[in-house]
Amino acid sequence: MDLDEPVNCAACGYDLTGVGWEGHCPECGRFYDKASGRGVARGAGVLSPVERGDRVIMLAKLGAYGALALGCLVWGGIASLSSPMPARPLILGMIGGGAFGFAVYATWFIDRRDGP
């Protein structure tokens, strides 16, 4: 293995190209050993910090939209129990839940296409 082979820290993704065979990552301080492969990641599976941030944002959007969809459905169900016209809040909850459910679907496929 060459010292200049592109490898990244398995913990934080820091580029360890050109540093010693073993030591501590300058970014996060975790131990790595290029000879044994301990603490390093090679290949296309390594995400840059920007890609990791984009993935976190995508997952946060998915979670928020999913929670809003579930909240709309729960609200519609609970509000229909005390309403004189139970179909109205139930239908509104289903429309809102469907809209946010579609937002989850669209976000997942659009952000996956733009990602790594």
Protein backbone atom coordinates (compact mmCIF):
# COMPACT_ATOMS: atom_id res chain seq x y z
CA MET A 1 0.00 0.00 0.00
CA ASP A 2 1.27 3.45 -0.91
CA LEU A 3 1.23 6.32 1.58
CA ASP A 4 -0.40 8.50 -1.08
CA GLU A 5 -3.29 6.08 -1.71
CA PRO A 6 -6.53 7.98 -1.08
CA VAL A 7 -7.99 6.93 2.27
CA ASN A 8 -10.29 8.72 4.68
CA CYS A 9 -10.87 8.53 8.41
CA ALA A 10 -13.69 6.07 9.02
CA ALA A 11 -15.09 8.23 11.83
CA CYS A 12 -15.22 11.72 10.30
CA GLY A 13 -14.23 11.32 6.63
CA TYR A 14 -11.07 13.44 6.90
CA ASP A 15 -8.70 12.83 3.96
CA LEU A 16 -5.68 10.95 5.34
CA THR A 17 -3.75 11.04 2.06
CA GLY A 18 -0.08 11.82 2.65
CA VAL A 19 -0.05 11.34 6.43
CA GLY A 20 1.79 8.54 8.25
CA TRP A 21 0.94 4.85 8.22
CA GLU A 22 -0.66 5.07 11.63
CA GLY A 23 -1.58 7.74 14.10
CA HIS A 24 -4.50 9.87 15.15
CA CYS A 25 -6.79 11.68 12.76
CA PRO A 26 -5.99 15.42 12.73
CA GLU A 27 -9.72 16.20 12.51
CA CYS A 28 -11.37 14.00 15.15
CA GLY A 29 -8.46 12.37 17.01
CA ARG A 30 -9.48 8.76 16.35
CA PHE A 31 -6.73 6.19 15.87
CA TYR A 32 -6.08 4.85 12.37
CA ASP A 33 -3.69 2.28 10.91
CA LYS A 34 -3.39 2.19 7.13
CA ALA A 35 -1.50 -1.13 7.09
CA SER A 36 -4.26 -3.07 8.86
CA GLY A 37 -7.11 -0.89 7.59
CA ARG A 38 -8.25 -0.11 11.13
CA GLY A 39 -9.98 3.27 11.35
CA VAL A 40 -9.72 4.04 7.62
CA ALA A 41 -12.25 3.90 4.80
CA ARG A 42 -11.37 3.42 1.15
CA GLY A 43 -13.35 3.71 -2.05
CA ALA A 44 -16.56 5.33 -3.16
CA GLY A 45 -18.43 4.58 0.07
CA VAL A 46 -16.75 7.50 1.83
CA LEU A 47 -18.88 10.62 2.02
CA SER A 48 -17.44 14.10 2.19
CA PRO A 49 -18.58 16.37 5.03
CA VAL A 50 -20.85 18.25 2.60
CA GLU A 51 -22.45 14.99 1.42
CA ARG A 52 -22.96 13.88 5.02
CA GLY A 53 -24.57 17.23 5.82
CA ASP A 54 -26.86 16.95 2.81
CA ARG A 55 -27.88 13.46 3.94
CA VAL A 56 -28.66 14.73 7.46
CA ILE A 57 -30.78 17.55 6.04
CA MET A 58 -32.64 15.11 3.78
CA LEU A 59 -33.38 12.79 6.71
CA ALA A 60 -34.54 15.73 8.83
CA LYS A 61 -36.93 16.85 6.07
CA LEU A 62 -38.25 13.31 5.70
CA GLY A 63 -38.81 13.03 9.45
CA ALA A 64 -40.56 16.41 9.65
CA TYR A 65 -42.86 15.70 6.71
CA GLY A 66 -43.61 12.22 8.03
CA ALA A 67 -44.45 13.59 11.47
CA LEU A 68 -46.72 16.23 9.93
CA ALA A 69 -48.48 13.57 7.84
CA LEU A 70 -49.06 11.41 10.89
CA GLY A 71 -50.15 14.45 12.91
CA CYS A 72 -52.75 15.38 10.29
CA LEU A 73 -54.15 11.86 10.27
CA VAL A 74 -54.29 11.68 14.07
CA TRP A 75 -55.87 15.13 14.32
CA GLY A 76 -58.52 14.17 11.76
CA GLY A 77 -59.35 11.00 13.65
CA ILE A 78 -59.56 12.67 17.07
CA ALA A 79 -61.45 15.73 15.80
CA SER A 80 -64.00 13.53 14.05
CA LEU A 81 -64.93 11.96 17.39
CA SER A 82 -66.22 15.24 18.82
CA SER A 83 -67.49 16.90 15.66
CA PRO A 84 -71.17 17.13 14.77
CA MET A 85 -70.12 16.33 11.18
CA PRO A 86 -67.39 13.70 11.69
CA ALA A 87 -66.61 13.28 8.02
CA ARG A 88 -65.25 16.83 7.59
CA PRO A 89 -62.25 16.67 9.99
CA LEU A 90 -61.57 13.10 8.91
CA ILE A 91 -61.42 14.10 5.25
CA LEU A 92 -59.33 17.20 6.03
CA GLY A 93 -56.92 15.05 8.03
CA MET A 94 -56.66 12.58 5.18
CA ILE A 95 -56.03 15.37 2.65
CA GLY A 96 -53.34 16.94 4.85
CA GLY A 97 -51.78 13.56 5.61
CA GLY A 98 -51.79 12.69 1.92
CA ALA A 99 -50.17 16.00 0.99
CA PHE A 100 -47.40 15.58 3.54
CA GLY A 101 -47.07 11.92 2.58
CA PHE A 102 -46.51 13.01 -1.00
CA ALA A 103 -43.92 15.52 0.26
CA VAL A 104 -42.06 12.61 1.89
CA TYR A 105 -42.20 10.65 -1.36
CA ALA A 106 -41.05 13.59 -3.50
CA THR A 107 -38.28 14.60 -1.10
CA TRP A 108 -36.94 11.06 -0.93
CA PHE A 109 -36.67 10.59 -4.69
CA ILE A 110 -35.54 14.11 -5.57
CA ASP A 111 -32.82 14.22 -2.89
CA ARG A 112 -31.66 10.68 -3.68
CA ARG A 113 -31.26 11.58 -7.34
CA ASP A 114 -29.20 14.68 -6.49
CA GLY A 115 -27.08 12.85 -3.90
CA PRO A 116 -24.05 10.57 -4.27
